[in-house]
């Protein structure tokens, strides 16, 4: 009777473990890893392109009217995100970045959300230009119209 894996099993008993000591030794993610989203609301211009390109619908936006302008809140649901990086690629202002953070363990769905809020101020209204004084030629035309009406 042959046991092809017996030699490998005995060898494994006396060698170091091949697994990682994860909770004690956290290793850095490799270059190019797409981890948790970081949102920088101060860079965002509210174009909405990230929402349009997000296939699973992991990004939502709410707009609230306040005295200062519009209070805009972006929410990123890490539980739905596929980490495709399209939101980062399409953001012209680099307000979205996928970090190397890969530890996203949570008991509550709220813990898997990334939020960012900013207030978009309405542009100032341009000043009203002063009324132009009537030109003498315009006065003559108006005077002739009044004379024609009175006759």
Protein backbone atom coordinates (compact mmCIF):
# COMPACT_ATOMS: atom_id res chain seq x y z
CA UNK A 1 0.00 0.00 0.00
CA UNK A 2 1.38 3.41 -1.02
CA UNK A 3 0.82 6.69 0.81
CA UNK A 4 2.01 9.36 -1.60
CA UNK A 5 1.42 12.25 0.79
CA UNK A 6 2.83 10.64 3.94
CA UNK A 7 6.31 11.99 3.27
CA UNK A 8 4.91 15.52 2.82
CA UNK A 9 2.83 15.25 6.01
CA UNK A 10 5.81 14.17 8.13
CA UNK A 11 7.94 16.95 6.61
CA UNK A 12 5.26 19.53 7.47
CA UNK A 13 5.16 18.41 11.09
CA UNK A 14 8.75 19.54 11.64
CA UNK A 15 8.84 22.71 9.52
CA UNK A 16 7.77 26.29 10.25
CA UNK A 17 4.14 27.17 9.50
CA UNK A 18 3.55 28.59 6.05
CA UNK A 19 0.71 30.83 7.21
CA UNK A 20 1.00 34.46 8.29
CA UNK A 21 0.74 35.61 11.88
CA UNK A 22 -1.97 38.08 10.82
CA UNK A 23 -3.36 39.80 13.88
CA UNK A 24 0.09 40.33 15.38
CA UNK A 25 1.95 41.24 12.21
CA UNK A 26 -0.03 43.38 9.80
CA UNK A 27 1.75 43.62 6.47
CA UNK A 28 1.46 46.53 4.08
CA UNK A 29 -0.62 45.94 0.98
CA UNK A 30 1.29 45.53 -2.28
CA UNK A 31 1.70 48.37 -4.75
CA UNK A 32 -1.45 48.93 -6.80
CA UNK A 33 -3.76 47.41 -4.18
CA UNK A 34 -7.27 48.90 -4.21
CA UNK A 35 -8.48 49.20 -0.65
CA UNK A 36 -10.86 51.39 1.34
CA UNK A 37 -12.02 54.64 -0.25
CA UNK A 38 -10.76 57.97 1.05
CA UNK A 39 -12.94 60.98 0.16
CA UNK A 40 -11.66 64.57 0.28
CA UNK A 41 -14.75 66.83 0.30
CA UNK A 42 -12.68 70.02 0.08
CA UNK A 43 -11.59 68.98 -3.44
CA UNK A 44 -15.04 67.88 -4.67
CA UNK A 45 -16.98 70.10 -7.10
CA UNK A 46 -20.16 67.97 -7.06
CA UNK A 47 -20.01 66.98 -10.73
CA UNK A 48 -21.54 63.56 -9.95
CA UNK A 49 -19.31 61.65 -12.35
CA UNK A 50 -18.36 59.13 -9.65
CA UNK A 51 -22.03 58.29 -9.13
CA UNK A 52 -22.57 57.76 -12.87
CA UNK A 53 -19.64 55.36 -13.31
CA UNK A 54 -20.26 53.29 -10.16
CA UNK A 55 -21.81 50.08 -11.53
CA UNK A 56 -22.96 48.55 -8.20
CA UNK A 57 -24.41 51.88 -7.02
CA UNK A 58 -22.14 52.09 -3.98
CA UNK A 59 -22.04 55.91 -4.07
CA UNK A 60 -24.98 58.11 -3.12
CA UNK A 61 -25.37 61.86 -2.80
CA UNK A 62 -27.86 63.86 -0.75
CA UNK A 63 -28.38 67.60 -1.11
CA UNK A 64 -29.86 69.69 1.68
CA UNK A 65 -30.70 73.39 1.44
CA UNK A 66 -29.12 75.45 4.22
CA UNK A 67 -28.57 79.19 4.72
CA UNK A 68 -25.00 79.12 3.44
CA UNK A 69 -25.89 77.22 0.25
CA UNK A 70 -26.29 73.51 -0.50
CA UNK A 71 -25.10 70.95 2.07
CA UNK A 72 -23.90 68.00 -0.01
CA UNK A 73 -23.16 64.60 1.53
CA UNK A 74 -21.51 61.75 -0.37
CA UNK A 75 -21.78 58.22 1.05
CA UNK A 76 -19.61 55.34 -0.11
CA UNK A 77 -20.90 51.86 0.83
CA UNK A 78 -17.86 49.58 1.14
CA UNK A 79 -20.14 46.53 1.37
CA UNK A 80 -21.34 47.13 -2.20
CA UNK A 81 -18.10 48.48 -3.67
CA UNK A 82 -16.28 46.21 -6.15
CA UNK A 83 -13.07 48.28 -5.83
CA UNK A 84 -12.92 48.77 -9.60
CA UNK A 85 -11.37 52.24 -9.15
CA UNK A 86 -13.55 53.90 -11.80
CA UNK A 87 -14.71 56.56 -9.33
CA UNK A 88 -11.08 57.52 -8.70
CA UNK A 89 -10.18 57.46 -12.38
CA UNK A 90 -13.10 59.67 -13.42
CA UNK A 91 -12.74 62.22 -10.60
CA UNK A 92 -11.18 65.26 -12.27
CA UNK A 93 -10.33 66.91 -8.93
CA UNK A 94 -8.83 63.77 -7.31
CA UNK A 95 -11.36 63.94 -4.45
CA UNK A 96 -11.61 60.12 -4.33
CA UNK A 97 -8.70 57.80 -3.66
CA UNK A 98 -8.53 54.06 -3.08
CA UNK A 99 -6.07 53.52 -0.24
CA UNK A 100 -4.03 50.46 0.69
CA UNK A 101 -6.19 49.87 3.78
CA UNK A 102 -7.49 46.31 3.53
CA UNK A 103 -8.77 45.60 7.04
CA UNK A 104 -12.49 46.33 6.75
CA UNK A 105 -14.08 44.13 9.37
CA UNK A 106 -17.36 45.35 10.82
CA UNK A 107 -20.37 44.04 12.66
CA UNK A 108 -22.53 46.98 11.65
CA UNK A 109 -23.12 48.20 8.10
CA UNK A 110 -22.56 51.79 9.26
CA UNK A 111 -18.93 50.93 10.00
CA UNK A 112 -18.39 50.09 6.32
CA UNK A 113 -19.48 53.55 5.15
CA UNK A 114 -17.25 56.44 4.19
CA UNK A 115 -18.96 59.84 4.33
CA UNK A 116 -17.98 63.31 3.31
CA UNK A 117 -19.96 66.53 3.65
CA UNK A 118 -19.32 69.98 2.28
CA UNK A 119 -21.31 73.14 1.63
CA UNK A 120 -21.45 74.46 -1.90
CA UNK A 121 -22.03 78.18 -1.72
CA UNK A 122 -24.21 79.84 -4.32
CA UNK A 123 -22.24 82.18 -6.58
CA UNK A 124 -22.59 85.85 -5.63
CA UNK A 125 -25.18 87.77 -7.59
CA UNK A 126 -23.66 90.30 -9.98
CA UNK A 127 -24.35 93.93 -9.09
CA UNK A 128 -27.16 95.60 -10.98
CA UNK A 129 -25.69 98.16 -13.40
CA UNK A 130 -26.98 101.72 -12.95
CA UNK A 131 -29.64 102.87 -15.39
CA UNK A 132 -28.28 104.73 -18.39
CA UNK A 133 -29.50 108.28 -18.87
CA UNK A 134 -31.70 108.82 -21.90
CA UNK A 135 -29.92 110.10 -24.98
CA UNK A 136 -31.07 113.37 -26.56
CA UNK A 137 -32.06 111.57 -29.78
CA UNK A 138 -34.25 109.19 -27.80
CA UNK A 139 -35.89 112.18 -26.07
CA UNK A 140 -36.72 113.73 -29.47
CA UNK A 141 -38.34 110.48 -30.65
CA UNK A 142 -40.39 110.24 -27.45
CA UNK A 143 -41.43 113.89 -27.70
CA UNK A 144 -42.60 113.38 -31.30
CA UNK A 145 -44.64 110.32 -30.22
CA UNK A 146 -46.32 112.33 -27.47
CA UNK A 147 -47.15 115.15 -29.93
CA UNK A 148 -48.64 112.63 -32.36
CA UNK A 149 -50.84 111.19 -29.61
CA UNK A 150 -52.11 114.58 -28.49
CA UNK A 151 -53.14 115.58 -32.01
